[in-house]
Every structure is written in C-alpha cells, then in structure tokens.
Amino acid sequence: MWRYRHENEYSTQELEDIMEQMRDVGINTLIFTGGEPLLRDDISILIKKAKEISFKEITVQTNGLLLSSKAEELVESGVTSICVSVDGIGETNDVIRGVKNAYS
C-alpha cells in the first residue's frame, strides 16, 4: 500500500478536528498507525497538536523504514512512544515489506 498515495486521506485540519473531538469525549491515548504514518509530511504537526490538546500518550506505529530520518523530529514533536512492526525474521520480513534489506 505504501507505494500508492491515496488522494482521499484526511487533511491536517481534518485530523486536528478529529483529535479535538476525541479529547472532548475523554480519550487520552492516541496512536498514529498505518498504512505508514511516517509517510505523512505533517506527522510532526499532528503530534504537536496532540500534545497541545493534552493527550497523555502519543504513539507512532511504524514499519521503521523511515525511522532513522524521522526519529529526532518525532521526539522533538512530543511523541511518547514508537512501536516498530516486524512481519518476520530476516528475509521473510523483506518479502512481506517488498523492500530488500528492510529487516536489517
């Protein structure tokens, strides 16, 4: 799925509105998950907004492929945890991900 961008994704503003609605009904944990949240150019903006509106736990669930280039940005934005999903050991993970050497 990561190879194909979707035109019907929520905008930054729509997601900020959804987060405010979540907070208003008492939700205090937020998990950004897939597809792959690190493909969003606005992920740090969304994390900052989540922190601003008082989510206690802000997690990003990622396949890890972009983590080395985004880790500092995520931490500075206020993420409280990062979960890296692994689909198998070694080559099995790479085949499922469709990316050679993704596991390593």
PDB file of N, CA and C in Angstrom:
ATOM      1  N   MET A   1       0.811  -1.204   0.000  1.00  0.00           N
ATOM      2  CA  MET A   1       0.000   0.000   0.000  1.00  0.00           C
ATOM      3  C   MET A   1       0.856   1.270   0.000  1.00  0.00           C
ATOM      4  N   TRP A   2       2.048   1.220   0.609  1.00  0.00           N
ATOM      5  CA  TRP A   2       2.876   2.415   0.731  1.00  0.00           C
ATOM      6  C   TRP A   2       3.351   2.924  -0.620  1.00  0.00           C
ATOM      7  N   ARG A   3       3.303   2.084  -1.632  1.00  0.00           N
ATOM      8  CA  ARG A   3       3.757   2.505  -2.959  1.00  0.00           C
ATOM      9  C   ARG A   3       2.755   3.404  -3.653  1.00  0.00           C
ATOM     10  N   TYR A   4       1.535   3.435  -3.143  1.00  0.00           N
ATOM     11  CA  TYR A   4       0.469   4.188  -3.796  1.00  0.00           C
ATOM     12  C   TYR A   4      -0.097   5.225  -2.834  1.00  0.00           C
ATOM     13  N   ARG A   5       0.068   6.474  -3.189  1.00  0.00           N
ATOM     14  CA  ARG A   5      -0.503   7.554  -2.372  1.00  0.00           C
ATOM     15  C   ARG A   5      -2.011   7.593  -2.601  1.00  0.00           C
ATOM     16  N   HIS A   6      -2.739   7.859  -1.567  1.00  0.00           N
ATOM     17  CA  HIS A   6      -4.188   7.930  -1.669  1.00  0.00           C
ATOM     18  C   HIS A   6      -4.626   9.393  -1.645  1.00  0.00           C
ATOM     19  N   GLU A   7      -5.495   9.720  -2.560  1.00  0.00           N
ATOM     20  CA  GLU A   7      -5.948  11.102  -2.670  1.00  0.00           C
ATOM     21  C   GLU A   7      -7.026  11.435  -1.657  1.00  0.00           C
ATOM     22  N   ASN A   8      -7.630  10.440  -1.042  1.00  0.00           N
ATOM     23  CA  ASN A   8      -8.738  10.701  -0.128  1.00  0.00           C
ATOM     24  C   ASN A   8      -8.333  10.664   1.341  1.00  0.00           C
ATOM     25  N   GLU A   9      -7.067  10.894   1.631  1.00  0.00           N
ATOM     26  CA  GLU A   9      -6.620  10.935   3.020  1.00  0.00           C
ATOM     27  C   GLU A   9      -7.133  12.207   3.692  1.00  0.00           C
ATOM     28  N   TYR A  10      -7.276  12.117   5.008  1.00  0.00           N
ATOM     29  CA  TYR A  10      -7.698  13.300   5.762  1.00  0.00           C
ATOM     30  C   TYR A  10      -6.626  14.377   5.683  1.00  0.00           C
ATOM     31  N   SER A  11      -7.058  15.613   5.668  1.00  0.00           N
ATOM     32  CA  SER A  11      -6.129  16.743   5.691  1.00  0.00           C
ATOM     33  C   SER A  11      -5.625  16.947   7.118  1.00  0.00           C
ATOM     34  N   THR A  12      -4.617  17.774   7.253  1.00  0.00           N
ATOM     35  CA  THR A  12      -4.098  18.119   8.581  1.00  0.00           C
ATOM     36  C   THR A  12      -5.215  18.695   9.444  1.00  0.00           C
ATOM     37  N   GLN A  13      -5.963  19.633   8.897  1.00  0.00           N
ATOM     38  CA  GLN A  13      -7.038  20.279   9.658  1.00  0.00           C
ATOM     39  C   GLN A  13      -8.116  19.283  10.061  1.00  0.00           C
ATOM     40  N   GLU A  14      -8.486  18.386   9.161  1.00  0.00           N
ATOM     41  CA  GLU A  14      -9.498  17.385   9.497  1.00  0.00           C
ATOM     42  C   GLU A  14      -9.020  16.496  10.646  1.00  0.00           C
ATOM     43  N   LEU A  15      -7.752  16.085  10.613  1.00  0.00           N
ATOM     44  CA  LEU A  15      -7.226  15.253  11.689  1.00  0.00           C
ATOM     45  C   LEU A  15      -7.124  16.018  12.999  1.00  0.00           C
ATOM     46  N   GLU A  16      -6.769  17.299  12.939  1.00  0.00           N
ATOM     47  CA  GLU A  16      -6.744  18.103  14.162  1.00  0.00           C
ATOM     48  C   GLU A  16      -8.143  18.209  14.759  1.00  0.00           C
ATOM     49  N   ASP A  17      -9.156  18.387  13.912  1.00  0.00           N
ATOM     50  CA  ASP A  17     -10.542  18.444  14.385  1.00  0.00           C
ATOM     51  C   ASP A  17     -10.960  17.120  15.024  1.00  0.00           C
ATOM     52  N   ILE A  18     -10.573  16.009  14.413  1.00  0.00           N
ATOM     53  CA  ILE A  18     -10.893  14.686  14.951  1.00  0.00           C
ATOM     54  C   ILE A  18     -10.224  14.500  16.312  1.00  0.00           C
ATOM     55  N   MET A  19      -8.969  14.929  16.438  1.00  0.00           N
ATOM     56  CA  MET A  19      -8.268  14.803  17.722  1.00  0.00           C
ATOM     57  C   MET A  19      -8.969  15.613  18.803  1.00  0.00           C
ATOM     58  N   GLU A  20      -9.449  16.798  18.461  1.00  0.00           N
ATOM     59  CA  GLU A  20     -10.170  17.619  19.446  1.00  0.00           C
ATOM     60  C   GLU A  20     -11.471  16.937  19.865  1.00  0.00           C
ATOM     61  N   GLN A  21     -12.154  16.319  18.913  1.00  0.00           N
ATOM     62  CA  GLN A  21     -13.377  15.581  19.245  1.00  0.00           C
ATOM     63  C   GLN A  21     -13.066  14.392  20.149  1.00  0.00           C
ATOM     64  N   MET A  22     -11.966  13.713  19.881  1.00  0.00           N
ATOM     65  CA  MET A  22     -11.556  12.589  20.723  1.00  0.00           C
ATOM     66  C   MET A  22     -11.290  13.061  22.143  1.00  0.00           C
ATOM     67  N   ARG A  23     -10.569  14.151  22.267  1.00  0.00           N
ATOM     68  CA  ARG A  23     -10.271  14.700  23.588  1.00  0.00           C
ATOM     69  C   ARG A  23     -11.565  15.088  24.311  1.00  0.00           C
ATOM     70  N   ASP A  24     -12.498  15.673  23.570  1.00  0.00           N
ATOM     71  CA  ASP A  24     -13.750  16.130  24.173  1.00  0.00           C
ATOM     72  C   ASP A  24     -14.586  14.990  24.743  1.00  0.00           C
ATOM     73  N   VAL A  25     -14.411  13.776  24.235  1.00  0.00           N
ATOM     74  CA  VAL A  25     -15.157  12.632  24.775  1.00  0.00           C
ATOM     75  C   VAL A  25     -14.325  11.820  25.756  1.00  0.00           C
ATOM     76  N   GLY A  26     -13.146  12.331  26.125  1.00  0.00           N
ATOM     77  CA  GLY A  26     -12.361  11.731  27.188  1.00  0.00           C
ATOM     78  C   GLY A  26     -11.262  10.770  26.766  1.00  0.00           C
ATOM     79  N   ILE A  27     -10.977  10.682  25.484  1.00  0.00           N
ATOM     80  CA  ILE A  27      -9.884   9.816  25.044  1.00  0.00           C
ATOM     81  C   ILE A  27      -8.567  10.511  25.347  1.00  0.00           C
ATOM     82  N   ASN A  28      -7.620   9.807  25.958  1.00  0.00           N
ATOM     83  CA  ASN A  28      -6.352  10.441  26.314  1.00  0.00           C
ATOM     84  C   ASN A  28      -5.125   9.737  25.750  1.00  0.00           C
ATOM     85  N   THR A  29      -5.360   8.699  24.931  1.00  0.00           N
ATOM     86  CA  THR A  29      -4.273   7.982  24.268  1.00  0.00           C
ATOM     87  C   THR A  29      -4.510   8.039  22.771  1.00  0.00           C
ATOM     88  N   LEU A  30      -3.455   8.360  22.027  1.00  0.00           N
ATOM     89  CA  LEU A  30      -3.569   8.488  20.573  1.00  0.00           C
ATOM     90  C   LEU A  30      -2.469   7.668  19.928  1.00  0.00           C
ATOM     91  N   ILE A  31      -2.847   6.852  18.950  1.00  0.00           N
ATOM     92  CA  ILE A  31      -1.877   6.037  18.220  1.00  0.00           C
ATOM     93  C   ILE A  31      -1.977   6.365  16.738  1.00  0.00           C
ATOM     94  N   PHE A  32      -0.879   6.838  16.178  1.00  0.00           N
ATOM     95  CA  PHE A  32      -0.802   7.054  14.736  1.00  0.00           C
ATOM     96  C   PHE A  32      -0.322   5.749  14.120  1.00  0.00           C
ATOM     97  N   THR A  33      -1.125   5.180  13.242  1.00  0.00           N
ATOM     98  CA  THR A  33      -0.800   3.888  12.658  1.00  0.00           C
ATOM     99  C   THR A  33      -1.119   3.896  11.180  1.00  0.00           C
ATOM    100  N   GLY A  34      -1.002   2.776  10.533  1.00  0.00           N
ATOM    101  CA  GLY A  34      -0.940   2.641   9.088  1.00  0.00           C
ATOM    102  C   GLY A  34      -2.199   2.809   8.295  1.00  0.00           C
ATOM    103  N   GLY A  35      -1.821   2.584   7.142  1.00  0.00           N
ATOM    104  CA  GLY A  35      -0.602   2.460   6.345  1.00  0.00           C
ATOM    105  C   GLY A  35       0.673   2.745   7.125  1.00  0.00           C
ATOM    106  N   GLU A  36       1.363   3.738   6.721  1.00  0.00           N
ATOM    107  CA  GLU A  36       2.630   4.128   7.340  1.00  0.00           C
ATOM    108  C   GLU A  36       2.566   5.614   7.700  1.00  0.00           C
ATOM    109  N   PRO A  37       2.394   5.949   8.988  1.00  0.00           N
ATOM    110  CA  PRO A  37       2.223   7.345   9.385  1.00  0.00           C
ATOM    111  C   PRO A  37       3.421   8.237   9.068  1.00  0.00           C
ATOM    112  N   LEU A  38       4.627   7.661   8.961  1.00  0.00           N
ATOM    113  CA  LEU A  38       5.790   8.498   8.683  1.00  0.00           C
ATOM    114  C   LEU A  38       5.836   8.969   7.233  1.00  0.00           C
ATOM    115  N   LEU A  39       4.937   8.480   6.400  1.00  0.00           N
ATOM    116  CA  LEU A  39       4.833   8.996   5.032  1.00  0.00           C
ATOM    117  C   LEU A  39       4.115  10.336   4.991  1.00  0.00           C
ATOM    118  N   ARG A  40       3.424  10.679   6.065  1.00  0.00           N
ATOM    119  CA  ARG A  40       2.725  11.973   6.117  1.00  0.00           C
ATOM    120  C   ARG A  40       3.730  13.085   6.351  1.00  0.00           C
ATOM    121  N   ASP A  41       3.694  14.084   5.520  1.00  0.00           N
ATOM    122  CA  ASP A  41       4.583  15.236   5.694  1.00  0.00           C
ATOM    123  C   ASP A  41       4.233  16.030   6.945  1.00  0.00           C
ATOM    124  N   ASP A  42       3.010  15.893   7.421  1.00  0.00           N
ATOM    125  CA  ASP A  42       2.545  16.675   8.564  1.00  0.00           C
ATOM    126  C   ASP A  42       2.561  15.899   9.881  1.00  0.00           C
ATOM    127  N   ILE A  43       3.253  14.769   9.942  1.00  0.00           N
ATOM    128  CA  ILE A  43       3.196  13.948  11.155  1.00  0.00           C
ATOM    129  C   ILE A  43       3.679  14.712  12.388  1.00  0.00           C
ATOM    130  N   SER A  44       4.709  15.519  12.264  1.00  0.00           N
ATOM    131  CA  SER A  44       5.175  16.270  13.443  1.00  0.00           C
ATOM    132  C   SER A  44       4.168  17.347  13.845  1.00  0.00           C
ATOM    133  N   ILE A  45       3.490  17.933  12.888  1.00  0.00           N
ATOM    134  CA  ILE A  45       2.442  18.920  13.191  1.00  0.00           C
ATOM    135  C   ILE A  45       1.314  18.241  13.968  1.00  0.00           C
ATOM    136  N   LEU A  46       0.931  17.056  13.535  1.00  0.00           N
ATOM    137  CA  LEU A  46      -0.149  16.327  14.205  1.00  0.00           C
ATOM    138  C   LEU A  46       0.249  15.902  15.617  1.00  0.00           C
ATOM    139  N   ILE A  47       1.483  15.470  15.788  1.00  0.00           N
ATOM    140  CA  ILE A  47       1.958  15.084  17.119  1.00  0.00           C
ATOM    141  C   ILE A  47       1.989  16.310  18.038  1.00  0.00           C
ATOM    142  N   LYS A  48       2.477  17.428  17.536  1.00  0.00           N
ATOM    143  CA  LYS A  48       2.493  18.655  18.341  1.00  0.00           C
ATOM    144  C   LYS A  48       1.084  19.056  18.751  1.00  0.00           C
ATOM    145  N   LYS A  49       0.140  18.939  17.839  1.00  0.00           N
ATOM    146  CA  LYS A  49      -1.255  19.273  18.146  1.00  0.00           C
ATOM    147  C   LYS A  49      -1.791  18.330  19.213  1.00  0.00           C
ATOM    148  N   ALA A  50      -1.485  17.037  19.097  1.00  0.00           N
ATOM    149  CA  ALA A  50      -1.942  16.070  20.090  1.00  0.00           C
ATOM    150  C   ALA A  50      -1.395  16.418  21.473  1.00  0.00           C
ATOM    151  N   LYS A  51      -0.134  16.807  21.523  1.00  0.00           N
ATOM    152  CA  LYS A  51       0.482  17.206  22.797  1.00  0.00           C
ATOM    153  C   LYS A  51      -0.173  18.484  23.328  1.00  0.00           C
ATOM    154  N   GLU A  52      -0.398  19.431  22.429  1.00  0.00           N
ATOM    155  CA  GLU A  52      -1.016  20.718  22.792  1.00  0.00           C
ATOM    156  C   GLU A  52      -2.400  20.525  23.407  1.00  0.00           C
ATOM    157  N   ILE A  53      -3.160  19.581  22.885  1.00  0.00           N
ATOM    158  CA  ILE A  53      -4.511  19.388  23.409  1.00  0.00           C
ATOM    159  C   ILE A  53      -4.565  18.303  24.487  1.00  0.00           C
ATOM    160  N   SER A  54      -3.398  17.964  25.019  1.00  0.00           N
ATOM    161  CA  SER A  54      -3.277  17.189  26.262  1.00  0.00           C
ATOM    162  C   SER A  54      -3.506  15.689  26.161  1.00  0.00           C
ATOM    163  N   PHE A  55      -3.175  15.069  25.036  1.00  0.00           N
ATOM    164  CA  PHE A  55      -3.142  13.605  25.026  1.00  0.00           C
ATOM    165  C   PHE A  55      -1.979  13.171  25.905  1.00  0.00           C
ATOM    166  N   LYS A  56      -2.226  12.204  26.786  1.00  0.00           N
ATOM    167  CA  LYS A  56      -1.182  11.752  27.707  1.00  0.00           C
ATOM    168  C   LYS A  56      -0.200  10.808  27.040  1.00  0.00           C
ATOM    169  N   GLU A  57      -0.699   9.956  26.167  1.00  0.00           N
ATOM    170  CA  GLU A  57       0.141   9.007  25.436  1.00  0.00           C
ATOM    171  C   GLU A  57      -0.028   9.269  23.943  1.00  0.00           C
ATOM    172  N   ILE A  58       1.091   9.458  23.251  1.00  0.00           N
ATOM    173  CA  ILE A  58       1.089   9.676  21.811  1.00  0.00           C
ATOM    174  C   ILE A  58       2.080   8.692  21.215  1.00  0.00           C
ATOM    175  N   THR A  59       1.553   7.701  20.517  1.00  0.00           N
ATOM    176  CA  THR A  59       2.367   6.620  19.973  1.00  0.00           C
ATOM    177  C   THR A  59       2.354   6.672  18.455  1.00  0.00           C
ATOM    178  N   VAL A  60       3.487   6.359  17.858  1.00  0.00           N
ATOM    179  CA  VAL A  60       3.573   6.184  16.411  1.00  0.00           C
ATOM    180  C   VAL A  60       3.934   4.727  16.159  1.00  0.00           C
ATOM    181  N   GLN A  61       3.104   4.041  15.389  1.00  0.00           N
ATOM    182  CA  GLN A  61       3.379   2.663  14.997  1.00  0.00           C
ATOM    183  C   GLN A  61       3.878   2.693  13.564  1.00  0.00           C
ATOM    184  N   THR A  62       5.098   2.207  13.333  1.00  0.00           N
ATOM    185  CA  THR A  62       5.754   2.335  12.049  1.00  0.00           C
ATOM    186  C   THR A  62       6.412   1.032  11.627  1.00  0.00           C
ATOM    187  N   ASN A  63       6.657   0.897  10.331  1.00  0.00           N
ATOM    188  CA  ASN A  63       7.425  -0.256   9.867  1.00  0.00           C
ATOM    189  C   ASN A  63       8.921  -0.015  10.031  1.00  0.00           C
ATOM    190  N   GLY A  64       9.311   1.182  10.415  1.00  0.00           N
ATOM    191  CA  GLY A  64      10.696   1.501  10.737  1.00  0.00           C
ATOM    192  C   GLY A  64      11.559   1.944   9.569  1.00  0.00           C
ATOM    193  N   LEU A  65      11.048   1.851   8.354  1.00  0.00           N
ATOM    194  CA  LEU A  65      11.886   2.164   7.196  1.00  0.00           C
ATOM    195  C   LEU A  65      12.307   3.629   7.142  1.00  0.00           C
ATOM    196  N   LEU A  66      11.493   4.522   7.669  1.00  0.00           N
ATOM    197  CA  LEU A  66      11.822   5.950   7.662  1.00  0.00           C
ATOM    198  C   LEU A  66      12.260   6.455   9.029  1.00  0.00           C
ATOM    199  N   LEU A  67      12.391   5.560   9.965  1.00  0.00           N
ATOM    200  CA  LEU A  67      12.640   5.974  11.350  1.00  0.00           C
ATOM    201  C   LEU A  67      13.968   6.696  11.541  1.00  0.00           C
ATOM    202  N   SER A  68      15.020   6.251  10.864  1.00  0.00           N
ATOM    203  CA  SER A  68      16.310   6.908  11.066  1.00  0.00           C
ATOM    204  C   SER A  68      16.273   8.372  10.624  1.00  0.00           C
ATOM    205  N   SER A  69      15.469   8.686   9.638  1.00  0.00           N
ATOM    206  CA  SER A  69      15.395  10.074   9.174  1.00  0.00           C
ATOM    207  C   SER A  69      14.342  10.888   9.917  1.00  0.00           C
ATOM    208  N   LYS A  70      13.443  10.230  10.648  1.00  0.00           N
ATOM    209  CA  LYS A  70      12.343  10.939  11.312  1.00  0.00           C
ATOM    210  C   LYS A  70      12.382  10.891  12.836  1.00  0.00           C
ATOM    211  N   ALA A  71      13.267  10.080  13.416  1.00  0.00           N
ATOM    212  CA  ALA A  71      13.253   9.861  14.863  1.00  0.00           C
ATOM    213  C   ALA A  71      13.393  11.159  15.658  1.00  0.00           C
ATOM    214  N   GLU A  72      14.365  11.970  15.302  1.00  0.00           N
ATOM    215  CA  GLU A  72      14.585  13.213  16.042  1.00  0.00           C
ATOM    216  C   GLU A  72      13.362  14.126  15.951  1.00  0.00           C
ATOM    217  N   GLU A  73      12.791  14.225  14.768  1.00  0.00           N
ATOM    218  CA  GLU A  73      11.589  15.042  14.561  1.00  0.00           C
ATOM    219  C   GLU A  73      10.431  14.541  15.428  1.00  0.00           C
ATOM    220  N   LEU A  74      10.270  13.227  15.514  1.00  0.00           N
ATOM    221  CA  LEU A  74       9.192  12.661  16.316  1.00  0.00           C
ATOM    222  C   LEU A  74       9.377  12.991  17.796  1.00  0.00           C
ATOM    223  N   VAL A  75      10.584  12.788  18.288  1.00  0.00           N
ATOM    224  CA  VAL A  75      10.863  13.063  19.696  1.00  0.00           C
ATOM    225  C   VAL A  75      10.669  14.545  20.010  1.00  0.00           C
ATOM    226  N   GLU A  76      11.192  15.407  19.166  1.00  0.00           N
ATOM    227  CA  GLU A  76      11.051  16.851  19.384  1.00  0.00           C
ATOM    228  C   GLU A  76       9.590  17.292  19.323  1.00  0.00           C
ATOM    229  N   SER A  77       8.776  16.573  18.565  1.00  0.00           N
ATOM    230  CA  SER A  77       7.358  16.914  18.440  1.00  0.00           C
ATOM    231  C   SER A  77       6.552  16.518  19.671  1.00  0.00           C
ATOM    232  N   GLY A  78       7.058  15.553  20.449  1.00  0.00           N
ATOM    233  CA  GLY A  78       6.374  15.174  21.673  1.00  0.00           C
ATOM    234  C   GLY A  78       5.846  13.755  21.719  1.00  0.00           C
ATOM    235  N   VAL A  79       6.233  12.908  20.785  1.00  0.00           N
ATOM    236  CA  VAL A  79       5.787  11.522  20.813  1.00  0.00           C
ATOM    237  C   VAL A  79       6.259  10.873  22.116  1.00  0.00           C
ATOM    238  N   THR A  80       5.413  10.025  22.705  1.00  0.00           N
ATOM    239  CA  THR A  80       5.794   9.375  23.960  1.00  0.00           C
ATOM    240  C   THR A  80       6.294   7.951  23.747  1.00  0.00           C
ATOM    241  N   SER A  81       5.927   7.330  22.611  1.00  0.00           N
ATOM    242  CA  SER A  81       6.462   6.012  22.307  1.00  0.00           C
ATOM    243  C   SER A  81       6.390   5.744  20.808  1.00  0.00           C
ATOM    244  N   ILE A  82       7.293   4.866  20.386  1.00  0.00           N
ATOM    245  CA  ILE A  82       7.361   4.456  18.986  1.00  0.00           C
ATOM    246  C   ILE A  82       7.359   2.937  18.970  1.00  0.00           C
ATOM    247  N   CYS A  83       6.462   2.358  18.204  1.00  0.00           N
ATOM    248  CA  CYS A  83       6.390   0.904  18.044  1.00  0.00           C
ATOM    249  C   CYS A  83       6.793   0.567  16.624  1.00  0.00           C
ATOM    250  N   VAL A  84       7.733  -0.347  16.479  1.00  0.00           N
ATOM    251  CA  VAL A  84       8.176  -0.786  15.158  1.00  0.00           C
ATOM    252  C   VAL A  84       7.615  -2.173  14.911  1.00  0.00           C
ATOM    253  N   SER A  85       6.855  -2.306  13.833  1.00  0.00           N
ATOM    254  CA  SER A  85       6.283  -3.607  13.500  1.00  0.00           C
ATOM    255  C   SER A  85       7.257  -4.398  12.642  1.00  0.00           C
ATOM    256  N   VAL A  86       7.347  -5.681  12.923  1.00  0.00           N
ATOM    257  CA  VAL A  86       8.195  -6.593  12.169  1.00  0.00           C
ATOM    258  C   VAL A  86       7.300  -7.745  11.727  1.00  0.00           C
ATOM    259  N   ASP A  87       7.341  -8.074  10.433  1.00  0.00           N
ATOM    260  CA  ASP A  87       6.449  -9.090   9.882  1.00  0.00           C
ATOM    261  C   ASP A  87       7.078 -10.475   9.798  1.00  0.00           C
ATOM    262  N   GLY A  88       8.325 -10.598  10.191  1.00  0.00           N
ATOM    263  CA  GLY A  88       9.003 -11.880  10.149  1.00  0.00           C
ATOM    264  C   GLY A  88      10.478 -11.666  10.415  1.00  0.00           C
ATOM    265  N   ILE A  89      11.224 -12.742  10.449  1.00  0.00           N
ATOM    266  CA  ILE A  89      12.656 -12.667  10.699  1.00  0.00           C
ATOM    267  C   ILE A  89      13.397 -12.598   9.370  1.00  0.00           C
ATOM    268  N   GLY A  90      14.316 -11.634   9.249  1.00  0.00           N
ATOM    269  CA  GLY A  90      15.188 -11.521   8.088  1.00  0.00           C
ATOM    270  C   GLY A  90      14.461 -11.385   6.770  1.00  0.00           C
ATOM    271  N   GLU A  91      14.763 -12.298   5.874  1.00  0.00           N
ATOM    272  CA  GLU A  91      14.227 -12.227   4.519  1.00  0.00           C
ATOM    273  C   GLU A  91      12.702 -12.307   4.476  1.00  0.00           C
ATOM    274  N   THR A  92      12.096 -13.007   5.427  1.00  0.00           N
ATOM    275  CA  THR A  92      10.633 -13.096   5.472  1.00  0.00           C
ATOM    276  C   THR A  92      10.031 -11.703   5.608  1.00  0.00           C
ATOM    277  N   ASN A  93      10.583 -10.900   6.497  1.00  0.00           N
ATOM    278  CA  ASN A  93      10.129  -9.517   6.665  1.00  0.00           C
ATOM    279  C   ASN A  93      10.305  -8.741   5.365  1.00  0.00           C
ATOM    280  N   ASP A  94      11.462  -8.907   4.720  1.00  0.00           N
ATOM    281  CA  ASP A  94      11.753  -8.160   3.489  1.00  0.00           C
ATOM    282  C   ASP A  94      10.774  -8.508   2.376  1.00  0.00           C
ATOM    283  N   VAL A  95      10.437  -9.797   2.260  1.00  0.00           N
ATOM    284  CA  VAL A  95       9.486 -10.224   1.226  1.00  0.00           C
ATOM    285  C   VAL A  95       8.114  -9.614   1.488  1.00  0.00           C
ATOM    286  N   ILE A  96       7.666  -9.659   2.722  1.00  0.00           N
ATOM    287  CA  ILE A  96       6.355  -9.108   3.062  1.00  0.00           C
ATOM    288  C   ILE A  96       6.342  -7.594   2.851  1.00  0.00           C
ATOM    289  N   ARG A  97       7.416  -6.906   3.244  1.00  0.00           N
ATOM    290  CA  ARG A  97       7.502  -5.453   3.082  1.00  0.00           C
ATOM    291  C   ARG A  97       7.721  -5.036   1.634  1.00  0.00           C
ATOM    292  N   GLY A  98       8.319  -5.933   0.863  1.00  0.00           N
ATOM    293  CA  GLY A  98       8.619  -5.589  -0.525  1.00  0.00           C
ATOM    294  C   GLY A  98       9.836  -4.702  -0.663  1.00  0.00           C
ATOM    295  N   VAL A  99      10.706  -4.716   0.374  1.00  0.00           N
ATOM    296  CA  VAL A  99      11.891  -3.876   0.392  1.00  0.00           C
ATOM    297  C   VAL A  99      13.085  -4.740   0.820  1.00  0.00           C
ATOM    298  N   LYS A 100      14.046  -4.887  -0.063  1.00  0.00           N
ATOM    299  CA  LYS A 100      15.230  -5.679   0.245  1.00  0.00           C
ATOM    300  C   LYS A 100      16.017  -5.028   1.393  1.00  0.00           C
ATOM    301  N   ASN A 101      16.469  -5.848   2.319  1.00  0.00           N
ATOM    302  CA  ASN A 101      17.249  -5.427   3.489  1.00  0.00           C
ATOM    303  C   ASN A 101      16.477  -4.545   4.474  1.00  0.00           C
ATOM    304  N   ALA A 102      15.155  -4.531   4.394  1.00  0.00           N
ATOM    305  CA  ALA A 102      14.358  -3.743   5.331  1.00  0.00           C
ATOM    306  C   ALA A 102      14.536  -4.230   6.762  1.00  0.00           C
ATOM    307  N   TYR A 103      14.650  -5.532   6.933  1.00  0.00           N
ATOM    308  CA  TYR A 103      14.797  -6.090   8.277  1.00  0.00           C
ATOM    309  C   TYR A 103      16.075  -5.597   8.932  1.00  0.00           C
ATOM    310  N   SER A 104      17.179  -5.615   8.176  1.00  0.00           N
ATOM    311  CA  SER A 104      18.436  -5.201   8.782  1.00  0.00           C
ATOM    312  C   SER A 104      18.488  -3.695   8.937  1.00  0.00           C
TER     313      SER A 104
END
